[in-house]
Amino acid sequence: MIERLGGLWGHLQAQPVFWLLLTLGIFQLASLLAKRTKGFPLANPVGLSILLLVLILYFTSTPYSVYFAGGQWIHFLLAPATVALAVPLYLQQERIRSMLIPLLLTLTSGSLLAITSSVGIAWLLGASPSSLLSLAPKSATAPVAMGIVEKLGGIPSLTAAVVILTGVTGAVAAPWVLDRLNIREPAVRGFSMGLVSHGIGTARAFQESNETGAFAGLGMGLNALMTAILVPLLYRLFF
């Protein structure tokens, strides 16, 4: 019986479509759990899905390359999904124009704080210069953050891990913090989540409303641009 199960698993493991369907199935279960718990912060669908998939890969000794043979199709859809954020942004263009100055001030201060807080804490803990550089763009979306670090001589793999951790943490904690601060305005909530936790935070924001998600997408995009400007500038000043 055990040999048959092992043989079945070996067969399924070699099928890219199995990993694609498994990823989608796990995310659906995680989304169902989030709904059943009425948005409990730790029941974040993205965070739970990542955790479960990592555990499955670890305990089955499955190489990431085998998983990615199926998971790459979800990865491929990230590009058009990101472009599709332009639609809700377009629908909110009048609101964005009316809030332009507050949004720019929040963007500048938020981006600076995200960079300096992570670098400052790591410096106090004795991190190496390359690690400090790798942590600096943690709140930007992964392709931008890794591109910045690679150009400046940091550790892109460390940056990728920290960016994902930041996104999951922000998606879990940000709504809870905003609720405790009694901040209910969708634009403020969305822009904050997108700014500090990029795409994962934006996905969480869309669970609240289209307006919240639109402003989260705006925060994610503008913070990527601001981070690409600030990190090299601060690097030249302090490194």
Foldseek 3Di string as FASTA:
>chain_A
DVVVVVVVCVVLLQDLQSLQVVLVVQLVVLVVVCVVVVNQLVSQSVVRSVVVVVVVCVVVVPDVVSSCSNVVVVVVVVVVVLVVLVVLLVVCVVVCVVCVVVLVVCLQVLLVCQQCVQLVVCVVVPDDPLVSLLRRLLQAPLVLSLVLSVVVPHDSVSNNVSNQVQQSVLLRCLVVVCVVVVPDPLLVSLLVQLQRNNPSSLVSSVVVDSNNSSNSSVNNVSSSVVSSVPSVVVVVVPD
